[in-house]
Protein backbone atom coordinates (compact mmCIF):
# COMPACT_ATOMS: atom_id res chain seq x y z
CA MET A 1 0.18 0.02 0.12
CA LYS A 2 2.74 2.56 0.65
CA ASN A 3 4.24 1.63 -2.74
CA ILE A 4 0.78 2.92 -4.25
CA GLY A 5 0.61 5.89 -2.07
CA ARG A 6 4.34 7.00 -3.54
CA ILE A 7 3.07 5.82 -6.62
CA LEU A 8 0.11 8.13 -6.74
CA MET A 9 2.13 10.71 -5.01
CA TRP A 10 4.61 10.97 -7.53
CA ILE A 11 1.80 11.45 -10.37
CA GLY A 12 0.14 13.56 -8.48
CA ILE A 13 3.69 15.89 -8.95
CA VAL A 14 3.95 15.09 -12.77
CA VAL A 15 0.48 15.82 -13.76
CA LEU A 16 1.27 19.20 -11.44
CA LEU A 17 4.50 19.64 -12.93
CA ILE A 18 2.71 19.48 -16.65
CA ILE A 19 0.02 21.73 -15.84
CA ILE A 20 2.22 24.43 -14.52
CA ILE A 21 4.38 24.33 -17.75
CA ARG A 22 1.46 24.37 -19.54
CA LEU A 23 0.41 27.78 -17.81
CA VAL A 24 3.75 28.83 -18.23
CA GLY A 25 3.54 28.49 -21.87
CA GLN A 26 0.40 29.91 -22.69
CA VAL A 27 1.08 32.68 -20.84
CA GLN A 28 4.07 33.60 -22.69
CA THR A 29 2.57 32.95 -25.84
CA LEU A 30 0.06 35.54 -25.17
CA SER A 31 2.55 38.04 -24.21
CA SER A 32 4.46 37.51 -27.53
CA SER A 33 1.13 38.14 -29.69
CA ILE A 34 0.87 41.66 -29.62
CA GLY A 35 -0.83 43.03 -32.38
CA GLY A 36 -1.06 38.87 -33.87
CA THR A 37 -4.29 37.04 -33.70
CA SER A 38 -3.10 35.10 -30.88
CA ALA A 39 -3.92 37.58 -28.78
CA ILE A 40 -7.09 37.05 -26.90
CA ILE A 41 -6.95 39.45 -24.05
CA PRO A 42 -5.72 43.24 -24.34
CA LEU A 43 -2.52 43.74 -22.53
CA PRO A 44 -1.56 46.76 -20.46
CA THR A 45 0.13 49.96 -22.10
CA PRO A 46 3.62 50.16 -21.24
CA THR A 47 5.17 52.59 -18.94
CA ILE A 48 8.49 54.15 -20.28
CA TYR A 49 10.51 56.03 -17.58
CA PRO A 50 13.79 57.84 -19.73
CA SER A 51 16.83 58.09 -17.75
CA ALA A 52 17.34 62.28 -17.22
CA ALA A 53 21.14 61.75 -18.14
CA THR A 54 22.13 62.02 -22.08
CA VAL A 55 25.73 61.56 -23.52
CA VAL A 56 26.56 62.96 -27.23
CA GLU A 57 29.08 60.62 -27.94
CA ARG A 58 30.11 62.34 -31.51
CA VAL A 59 29.14 65.21 -34.08
CA GLN A 60 30.11 64.79 -37.42
CA MET A 61 29.34 66.91 -40.33
CA LEU A 62 27.77 64.70 -43.10
CA SER A 63 28.28 65.92 -46.85
CA ARG A 64 26.05 63.14 -48.62
CA LEU A 65 23.87 63.48 -51.30
CA GLU A 66 21.21 61.27 -50.96
CA THR A 67 19.79 60.57 -54.66
CA ALA A 68 17.79 56.90 -54.30
CA SER A 69 15.26 56.02 -51.96
CA TYR A 70 13.93 52.19 -51.78
CA HIS A 71 11.00 51.09 -49.47
CA VAL A 72 10.78 47.12 -49.56
CA GLU A 73 8.42 45.29 -47.76
CA LYS A 74 9.96 41.73 -46.75
CA VAL A 75 7.60 38.93 -44.87
CA ILE A 76 10.35 36.77 -42.64
CA THR A 77 9.84 33.11 -41.18
CA ALA A 78 11.88 32.57 -37.94
CA GLU A 79 11.43 29.23 -35.76
CA SER A 80 13.74 27.50 -33.07
CA GLY A 81 13.65 24.16 -31.51
CA GLN A 82 11.24 22.50 -34.10
CA GLY A 83 11.45 18.46 -34.43
CA PRO A 84 9.23 15.62 -32.23
CA MET A 85 10.30 17.81 -29.06
CA GLY A 86 8.42 21.11 -31.07
CA PHE A 87 5.26 20.81 -28.90
CA LEU A 88 7.66 21.70 -25.75
CA PHE A 89 10.77 23.37 -27.01
CA GLY A 90 9.39 25.27 -30.06
CA ASP A 91 8.94 28.60 -31.35
CA LYS A 92 8.19 30.00 -34.46
CA LEU A 93 6.89 33.99 -35.86
CA LEU A 94 6.05 35.42 -38.82
CA LEU A 95 7.55 39.06 -39.19
CA ILE A 96 6.23 41.09 -41.53
CA ALA A 97 8.72 43.60 -41.80
CA TYR A 98 9.00 47.28 -44.00
CA GLY A 99 11.83 48.81 -44.34
CA GLN A 100 13.68 51.45 -46.29
CA VAL A 101 17.85 51.75 -48.09
CA ILE A 102 18.91 54.99 -49.31
CA ALA A 103 21.70 55.31 -51.30
CA GLY A 104 23.59 58.43 -52.91
CA ILE A 105 27.48 60.32 -53.37
CA ASP A 106 29.77 61.93 -51.04
CA LEU A 107 30.54 65.10 -51.75
CA SER A 108 33.31 65.14 -49.45
CA ASP A 109 35.18 62.49 -51.75
CA ILE A 110 35.24 65.03 -54.44
CA GLU A 111 38.34 66.26 -55.19
CA VAL A 112 39.93 69.72 -56.62
CA GLU A 113 41.40 67.42 -59.53
CA ASP A 114 37.88 65.35 -60.41
CA ILE A 115 37.06 69.07 -62.16
CA VAL A 116 38.60 70.18 -64.73
CA LEU A 117 37.61 73.24 -67.05
CA GLY A 118 37.08 73.50 -70.63
CA ASP A 119 36.64 75.60 -73.08
CA ALA A 120 33.19 77.32 -74.00
CA GLY A 121 32.19 76.60 -70.62
CA THR A 122 32.53 72.88 -70.84
CA ILE A 123 32.62 71.48 -67.63
CA TYR A 124 34.62 67.43 -67.04
CA MET A 125 33.90 65.55 -63.77
CA ARG A 126 35.12 62.56 -62.34
CA VAL A 127 32.01 61.70 -59.61
CA PRO A 128 32.50 59.27 -56.68
CA GLU A 129 30.68 56.11 -56.62
CA ALA A 130 27.57 55.60 -55.13
CA LYS A 131 27.03 53.58 -51.97
CA ILE A 132 24.54 52.59 -49.29
CA PHE A 133 24.06 55.02 -46.56
CA VAL A 134 20.91 53.67 -44.41
CA THR A 135 19.40 50.22 -43.97
CA THR A 136 16.51 50.35 -41.79
CA LEU A 137 13.19 48.84 -40.53
CA ASP A 138 10.67 50.99 -40.16
CA ASN A 139 9.13 49.96 -36.91
CA ASN A 140 5.88 51.50 -37.14
CA ARG A 141 4.61 49.31 -39.75
CA THR A 142 6.61 46.17 -38.73
CA SER A 143 5.51 43.56 -36.41
CA VAL A 144 5.04 39.78 -35.66
CA TYR A 145 2.04 38.77 -37.18
CA ASP A 146 1.95 35.46 -35.70
CA ARG A 147 4.00 33.46 -32.93
CA ARG A 148 3.77 30.07 -31.95
CA THR A 149 5.73 28.72 -28.80
CA GLY A 150 6.11 25.14 -26.85
CA MET A 151 5.17 25.22 -23.25
CA ALA A 152 8.87 26.16 -22.70
CA GLY A 153 10.00 27.03 -25.77
CA LEU A 154 9.67 31.22 -25.85
CA ASN A 155 13.63 32.11 -27.55
CA PRO A 156 13.83 35.82 -26.87
CA GLN A 157 16.17 36.21 -29.23
CA LEU A 158 14.21 34.90 -32.44
CA GLU A 159 12.05 38.23 -32.92
CA THR A 160 15.87 40.27 -32.88
CA ALA A 161 17.18 37.08 -35.46
CA ALA A 162 13.95 37.61 -38.14
CA ARG A 163 14.07 41.62 -37.90
CA GLN A 164 18.33 41.46 -38.57
CA GLU A 165 17.76 38.81 -41.70
CA ALA A 166 14.94 40.55 -42.78
CA GLU A 167 16.96 44.11 -42.63
CA ARG A 168 19.68 41.64 -44.90
CA LEU A 169 16.94 40.71 -47.36
CA ILE A 170 16.06 44.56 -47.81
CA LEU A 171 19.01 45.83 -48.56
CA GLN A 172 20.09 42.41 -51.03
CA THR A 173 16.84 43.48 -52.83
CA ALA A 174 17.38 46.94 -52.92
CA MET A 175 20.92 45.80 -54.55
CA GLU A 176 19.75 43.36 -57.12
CA ASP A 177 17.28 45.78 -58.27
CA GLY A 178 20.21 48.20 -59.08
CA ILE A 179 20.07 50.95 -56.47
CA LEU A 180 23.04 51.75 -56.77
CA GLU A 181 23.01 52.29 -60.64
CA LYS A 182 19.67 54.44 -60.27
CA ALA A 183 21.81 56.68 -57.67
CA ASP A 184 24.69 57.22 -59.36
CA GLU A 185 22.34 58.72 -62.23
CA ASN A 186 19.95 60.44 -60.08
CA ALA A 187 23.72 62.34 -59.00
CA ARG A 188 24.28 63.04 -62.19
CA GLN A 189 21.24 64.55 -62.90
CA VAL A 190 21.70 66.89 -59.48
CA LEU A 191 25.10 67.80 -60.47
CA ARG A 192 24.63 68.48 -64.05
CA SER A 193 21.74 70.91 -62.81
CA LEU A 194 23.61 72.58 -60.48
CA PHE A 195 26.60 73.58 -63.14
CA GLN A 196 24.34 74.93 -65.20
CA GLY A 197 22.27 76.88 -62.95
CA LEU A 198 25.79 78.57 -62.15
CA GLY A 199 26.22 79.40 -66.17
CA PHE A 200 28.32 76.13 -67.41
CA LEU A 201 26.78 75.18 -70.53
CA ASN A 202 28.07 71.31 -71.07
CA ILE A 203 28.67 69.23 -67.98
CA ILE A 204 30.52 65.76 -69.48
CA PHE A 205 31.02 63.35 -66.83
CA VAL A 206 33.80 60.88 -67.02
CA ASP A 207 35.67 58.18 -66.09
CA VAL A 208 39.53 59.27 -66.55
CA LEU A 209 39.98 63.75 -67.25
CA PRO A 210 41.27 64.87 -69.69
CA THR A 211 44.98 66.62 -69.67
CA PRO A 212 43.88 70.39 -69.36
CA THR A 213 45.29 72.51 -72.15
CA PRO A 214 47.70 75.02 -70.74
CA THR A 215 47.07 78.87 -71.47
CA PRO A 216 49.49 79.60 -74.35
CA PHE A 217 51.76 82.28 -73.53
CA VAL A 218 52.58 85.08 -75.26
CA SER A 219 55.66 87.09 -74.98
CA PRO A 220 55.50 90.97 -74.96
CA THR A 221 56.17 92.88 -77.93
CA PRO A 222 59.62 94.61 -77.68
CA PHE A 223 59.78 98.21 -78.76
CA ALA A 224 62.55 100.54 -79.31
CA VAL A 225 63.60 103.20 -77.22
CA SER A 226 63.69 106.72 -78.76
CA THR A 227 67.08 108.39 -77.84
CA PRO A 228 66.63 112.15 -78.00
CA SER A 229 68.73 113.82 -80.76
CA SER A 230 70.85 116.19 -79.75
């Protein structure tokens, strides 16, 4: 009888632990489903208490000419702990990400040697290569649409990893669509309009600048010095 009582006691303990784990898993799932379809109870509005101290680490002068901006939407599925024990340790989410990629040229890369003045109001110019300035997610529009978590499988790093992958894929999409080429084309149009506004009629963009023609030197014409006659 004692052995039967101990067995029943252990069975009761195991059942109680399973119930506790299930409850914890449900609470975690509800907490991680902000804005998703699985949220069935309203969540309290968070209260933010910023620190009174503010530290400015660096102030940097920028000379960027932003000439192309891409807005990209990407759907990311991230998961961890899948497999036979997925019901216990699994975590899976669906992230709908909106991002922006900005490209252009850095005007500080233009040196004096990159501009040559020609005849009749002509300018020859070497334009620096376009580069990516910003790749960022729009936090107001990026959100977890759905998340399914096992009883003890909430992975606190899963959403961070999904956002990082979304940012990488958004940049990759913009690059494959030719954002740098578009930024270079737009930069040339902006610079052409700028120089034409300054009165230069012809702006030619080249990879190799022509050798400027030296101004011919004209020697002064000698003149005779007359001496007074006696």
